[in-house]
Amino acid sequence: MSKTSVDFKGVARLILLPLAIMAVLTIGVGLLITKVLQTTTLIANDQGVNEQLADGRTAFLNDITDKMTKLSDMPTIIIATAVLIVVFRLAFKRWNESIFLLLAVFSQSAIFLLATVFSQRKRPLVQHLDPAPPTSSFPSGHTSAAVGFYCAVALVLTLHTHRYKILNVLWWAVGLAVPLGIAYSRMYRGMHHLSDVSWGLLLGAVCIAVAANALLRRRPVAGERPVVRQRVTA
């Protein structure tokens, strides 16, 4: 038998501290965009990307981007994460991969929600093809969630199929294509600016890096350790 051992000092140093720094940076960038740079050429060009995409809309792309967006809707990510937590535990006979996926997805979501409270950035000034959620435009939660889930799954699969290059290419082709497709879709559909999805990509990547460093390295902060049974002598 085995039980989970947690290095609480390692959790604070490898998980809480870097995530707190990322949260502060995300809030800071959001405030910079909304309070300092809102009248600059940089933000005008940001808006211009959405206007160009809106001008080139077609029925086909409307349908494709709608389907892509659904791959990162909150119910989709929550259900898929819950299922894979169980699958990874059963497949790998330990909790590391499951906790890694949970942390990658949860941390990006927590930072995203916290940042939207402070930034309060308005959606692009084009026709919105989706209902606008109550959260602000910065950062893109759909994009960060896509990276946090699909790239995290790709990393786990790569670690366990590292001898098979074809499979590794396949995992990352999907793991990268889906978040990039969702980032494009959110801009195309008028829901986010280029800077919103760019920071969403970075946010998801940082959360994966933090979770991987803490849970998938040689000596993870939380992992299985054998239970030593003491022999009882008469």
Protein backbone atom coordinates (compact mmCIF):
# COMPACT_ATOMS: atom_id res chain seq x y z
CA MET A 1 0.00 0.00 0.00
CA SER A 2 0.99 3.65 -0.38
CA LYS A 3 -0.19 7.01 0.82
CA THR A 4 0.20 10.57 -0.36
CA SER A 5 3.05 12.53 1.20
CA VAL A 6 2.91 16.35 1.01
CA ASP A 7 5.91 18.67 1.37
CA PHE A 8 4.14 21.75 2.71
CA LYS A 9 7.24 23.96 2.54
CA GLY A 10 7.66 22.88 -1.05
CA VAL A 11 4.01 23.74 -1.76
CA ALA A 12 4.56 27.30 -0.51
CA ARG A 13 7.83 27.75 -2.39
CA LEU A 14 7.04 25.96 -5.65
CA ILE A 15 3.30 26.60 -6.02
CA LEU A 16 1.87 29.42 -3.91
CA LEU A 17 4.69 31.92 -4.37
CA PRO A 18 5.00 31.75 -8.19
CA LEU A 19 1.22 31.70 -8.63
CA ALA A 20 0.90 34.75 -6.38
CA ILE A 21 3.51 36.55 -8.49
CA MET A 22 1.64 35.62 -11.66
CA ALA A 23 -1.61 36.89 -10.17
CA VAL A 24 -0.03 40.24 -9.28
CA LEU A 25 1.47 40.54 -12.77
CA THR A 26 -1.86 39.73 -14.41
CA ILE A 27 -3.70 42.30 -12.32
CA GLY A 28 -0.96 44.84 -12.99
CA VAL A 29 -1.09 44.35 -16.76
CA GLY A 30 -4.87 44.59 -16.69
CA LEU A 31 -4.76 47.87 -14.80
CA LEU A 32 -2.04 49.16 -17.13
CA ILE A 33 -4.24 48.45 -20.15
CA THR A 34 -7.42 49.92 -18.70
CA LYS A 35 -6.03 52.87 -16.71
CA VAL A 36 -2.90 54.00 -18.55
CA LEU A 37 -2.83 52.76 -22.14
CA GLN A 38 -6.50 53.01 -23.09
CA THR A 39 -5.98 56.03 -25.37
CA THR A 40 -2.71 54.92 -26.95
CA THR A 41 -1.99 53.63 -30.44
CA LEU A 42 -1.23 50.22 -28.95
CA ILE A 43 -4.80 49.79 -27.74
CA ALA A 44 -6.16 51.27 -30.98
CA ASN A 45 -4.27 48.61 -32.93
CA ASP A 46 -5.62 46.00 -30.51
CA GLN A 47 -9.13 47.09 -31.45
CA GLY A 48 -8.18 47.15 -35.12
CA VAL A 49 -7.49 43.40 -35.11
CA ASN A 50 -11.07 42.70 -34.04
CA GLU A 51 -12.44 45.06 -36.66
CA GLN A 52 -10.50 43.31 -39.42
CA LEU A 53 -11.68 39.90 -38.26
CA ALA A 54 -15.28 41.11 -38.01
CA ASP A 55 -15.13 42.47 -41.56
CA GLY A 56 -14.02 39.06 -42.84
CA ARG A 57 -16.67 36.95 -41.15
CA THR A 58 -18.35 34.16 -43.10
CA ALA A 59 -21.06 31.66 -42.22
CA PHE A 60 -18.50 28.84 -42.36
CA LEU A 61 -16.07 30.53 -39.97
CA ASN A 62 -18.93 31.55 -37.70
CA ASP A 63 -19.83 27.88 -37.33
CA ILE A 64 -16.25 26.66 -36.91
CA THR A 65 -15.33 29.26 -34.30
CA ASP A 66 -18.53 28.53 -32.39
CA LYS A 67 -17.58 24.85 -32.15
CA MET A 68 -13.99 25.72 -31.20
CA THR A 69 -15.17 28.00 -28.39
CA LYS A 70 -17.30 25.22 -26.92
CA LEU A 71 -14.15 23.11 -26.45
CA SER A 72 -13.14 25.52 -23.70
CA ASP A 73 -16.50 26.39 -22.17
CA MET A 74 -16.48 26.05 -18.38
CA PRO A 75 -18.76 22.96 -18.22
CA THR A 76 -16.60 21.22 -20.84
CA ILE A 77 -13.35 21.88 -18.97
CA ILE A 78 -14.80 20.96 -15.57
CA ILE A 79 -16.29 17.66 -16.75
CA ALA A 80 -13.23 16.70 -18.80
CA THR A 81 -10.90 17.51 -15.91
CA ALA A 82 -12.95 15.46 -13.46
CA VAL A 83 -12.99 12.48 -15.79
CA LEU A 84 -9.26 12.59 -16.49
CA ILE A 85 -8.40 12.94 -12.80
CA VAL A 86 -9.97 9.52 -12.30
CA VAL A 87 -8.48 8.08 -15.50
CA PHE A 88 -4.94 9.25 -14.66
CA ARG A 89 -5.19 7.84 -11.13
CA LEU A 90 -6.29 4.45 -12.41
CA ALA A 91 -3.86 4.37 -15.33
CA PHE A 92 -0.70 5.53 -13.56
CA LYS A 93 -1.40 4.10 -10.08
CA ARG A 94 -0.52 7.37 -8.38
CA TRP A 95 -1.98 10.83 -7.78
CA ASN A 96 0.76 13.04 -9.25
CA GLU A 97 -0.68 13.41 -12.75
CA SER A 98 -4.22 13.89 -11.43
CA ILE A 99 -3.20 16.60 -8.96
CA PHE A 100 -1.04 18.24 -11.63
CA LEU A 101 -3.99 18.52 -14.02
CA LEU A 102 -6.28 19.81 -11.27
CA LEU A 103 -3.74 22.43 -10.19
CA ALA A 104 -3.02 23.60 -13.75
CA VAL A 105 -6.72 24.08 -14.52
CA PHE A 106 -7.76 25.49 -11.14
CA SER A 107 -4.88 27.95 -10.77
CA GLN A 108 -5.37 29.62 -14.14
CA SER A 109 -9.08 29.92 -13.45
CA ALA A 110 -8.51 31.47 -10.02
CA ILE A 111 -6.02 34.04 -11.37
CA PHE A 112 -8.29 34.83 -14.32
CA LEU A 113 -11.29 35.49 -12.09
CA LEU A 114 -9.25 37.58 -9.67
CA ALA A 115 -7.82 39.70 -12.48
CA THR A 116 -11.22 40.42 -14.01
CA VAL A 117 -12.37 41.98 -10.74
CA PHE A 118 -9.67 44.65 -11.03
CA SER A 119 -9.24 45.20 -14.77
CA GLN A 120 -12.88 45.55 -15.85
CA ARG A 121 -11.90 45.89 -19.52
CA LYS A 122 -14.73 46.33 -21.99
CA ARG A 123 -15.26 43.86 -24.83
CA PRO A 124 -14.11 44.84 -28.36
CA LEU A 125 -16.32 47.41 -30.10
CA VAL A 126 -17.59 45.01 -32.76
CA GLN A 127 -20.64 42.80 -33.03
CA HIS A 128 -20.43 40.01 -30.43
CA LEU A 129 -21.32 36.56 -31.72
CA ASP A 130 -21.58 35.12 -28.20
CA PRO A 131 -23.39 36.34 -25.09
CA ALA A 132 -20.95 38.50 -23.13
CA PRO A 133 -20.23 36.92 -19.72
CA PRO A 134 -20.14 39.20 -16.65
CA THR A 135 -16.33 38.97 -16.41
CA SER A 136 -14.19 41.59 -18.14
CA SER A 137 -12.39 41.13 -21.45
CA PHE A 138 -8.91 40.85 -19.88
CA PRO A 139 -7.58 38.21 -19.74
CA SER A 140 -9.27 35.61 -21.93
CA GLY A 141 -10.52 32.86 -19.63
CA HIS A 142 -11.40 30.56 -22.52
CA THR A 143 -7.84 30.80 -23.81
CA SER A 144 -6.10 30.28 -20.47
CA ALA A 145 -8.41 27.36 -19.67
CA ALA A 146 -7.64 25.77 -23.04
CA VAL A 147 -3.90 25.95 -22.39
CA GLY A 148 -4.31 24.82 -18.78
CA PHE A 149 -6.26 21.74 -19.82
CA TYR A 150 -5.19 20.64 -23.31
CA CYS A 151 -1.47 21.39 -22.93
CA ALA A 152 -1.45 19.82 -19.46
CA VAL A 153 -2.97 16.63 -20.86
CA ALA A 154 -0.44 16.67 -23.71
CA LEU A 155 2.40 16.96 -21.20
CA VAL A 156 1.15 14.06 -19.10
CA LEU A 157 0.74 11.84 -22.14
CA THR A 158 4.18 12.83 -23.44
CA LEU A 159 5.83 11.88 -20.16
CA HIS A 160 4.36 8.39 -20.43
CA THR A 161 4.93 7.87 -24.17
CA HIS A 162 8.29 9.64 -24.51
CA ARG A 163 9.76 6.73 -26.48
CA TYR A 164 7.22 7.14 -29.27
CA LYS A 165 7.93 10.31 -31.23
CA ILE A 166 4.86 9.98 -33.43
CA LEU A 167 2.57 9.91 -30.42
CA ASN A 168 4.37 12.84 -28.82
CA VAL A 169 3.95 14.89 -31.98
CA LEU A 170 0.26 13.96 -32.02
CA TRP A 171 -0.31 14.95 -28.38
CA TRP A 172 1.29 18.36 -28.87
CA ALA A 173 -0.27 18.96 -32.27
CA VAL A 174 -3.67 18.71 -30.58
CA GLY A 175 -2.53 20.30 -27.31
CA LEU A 176 -1.28 23.42 -29.06
CA ALA A 177 -3.75 23.61 -31.94
CA VAL A 178 -6.83 23.71 -29.71
CA PRO A 179 -5.73 26.67 -27.52
CA LEU A 180 -4.51 28.62 -30.56
CA GLY A 181 -7.76 27.88 -32.37
CA ILE A 182 -9.74 29.03 -29.36
CA ALA A 183 -7.66 32.21 -29.07
CA TYR A 184 -8.42 33.02 -32.71
CA SER A 185 -12.09 32.13 -32.26
CA ARG A 186 -12.51 34.45 -29.27
CA MET A 187 -11.08 37.37 -31.27
CA TYR A 188 -13.03 36.46 -34.41
CA ARG A 189 -16.28 36.33 -32.46
CA GLY A 190 -15.63 39.76 -30.97
CA MET A 191 -15.25 38.57 -27.38
CA HIS A 192 -11.59 39.40 -26.73
CA HIS A 193 -8.77 41.61 -27.93
CA LEU A 194 -5.42 40.28 -29.13
CA SER A 195 -3.80 41.34 -25.85
CA ASP A 196 -6.51 39.45 -23.90
CA VAL A 197 -5.88 36.13 -25.61
CA SER A 198 -2.10 36.65 -25.64
CA TRP A 199 -2.04 37.02 -21.88
CA GLY A 200 -4.46 34.11 -21.59
CA LEU A 201 -1.96 31.91 -23.44
CA LEU A 202 0.84 33.07 -21.15
CA LEU A 203 -1.26 32.61 -18.01
CA GLY A 204 -2.14 29.03 -18.91
CA ALA A 205 1.48 28.22 -19.79
CA VAL A 206 2.82 29.62 -16.52
CA CYS A 207 0.27 27.67 -14.46
CA ILE A 208 1.28 24.46 -16.26
CA ALA A 209 4.97 25.16 -15.67
CA VAL A 210 4.39 25.79 -11.97
CA ALA A 211 2.27 22.66 -11.55
CA ALA A 212 4.71 20.51 -13.53
CA ASN A 213 7.71 21.72 -11.54
CA ALA A 214 5.94 20.93 -8.29
CA LEU A 215 4.27 17.64 -9.14
CA LEU A 216 5.94 15.97 -12.12
CA ARG A 217 9.60 16.50 -11.28
CA ARG A 218 11.84 13.86 -9.72
CA ARG A 219 10.88 14.65 -6.13
CA PRO A 220 7.36 16.14 -6.28
CA VAL A 221 5.88 18.11 -3.40
CA ALA A 222 2.95 15.67 -3.34
CA GLY A 223 3.37 12.04 -4.27
CA GLU A 224 3.03 8.45 -3.27
CA ARG A 225 5.34 6.95 -0.71
CA PRO A 226 5.35 3.35 0.48
CA VAL A 227 4.04 2.48 3.89
CA VAL A 228 6.74 0.70 5.86
CA ARG A 229 5.38 -2.22 7.81
CA GLN A 230 7.22 -3.08 11.00
CA ARG A 231 7.60 -6.72 11.81
CA VAL A 232 6.21 -7.73 15.16
CA THR A 233 8.34 -10.26 17.01
CA ALA A 234 7.17 -12.33 19.89
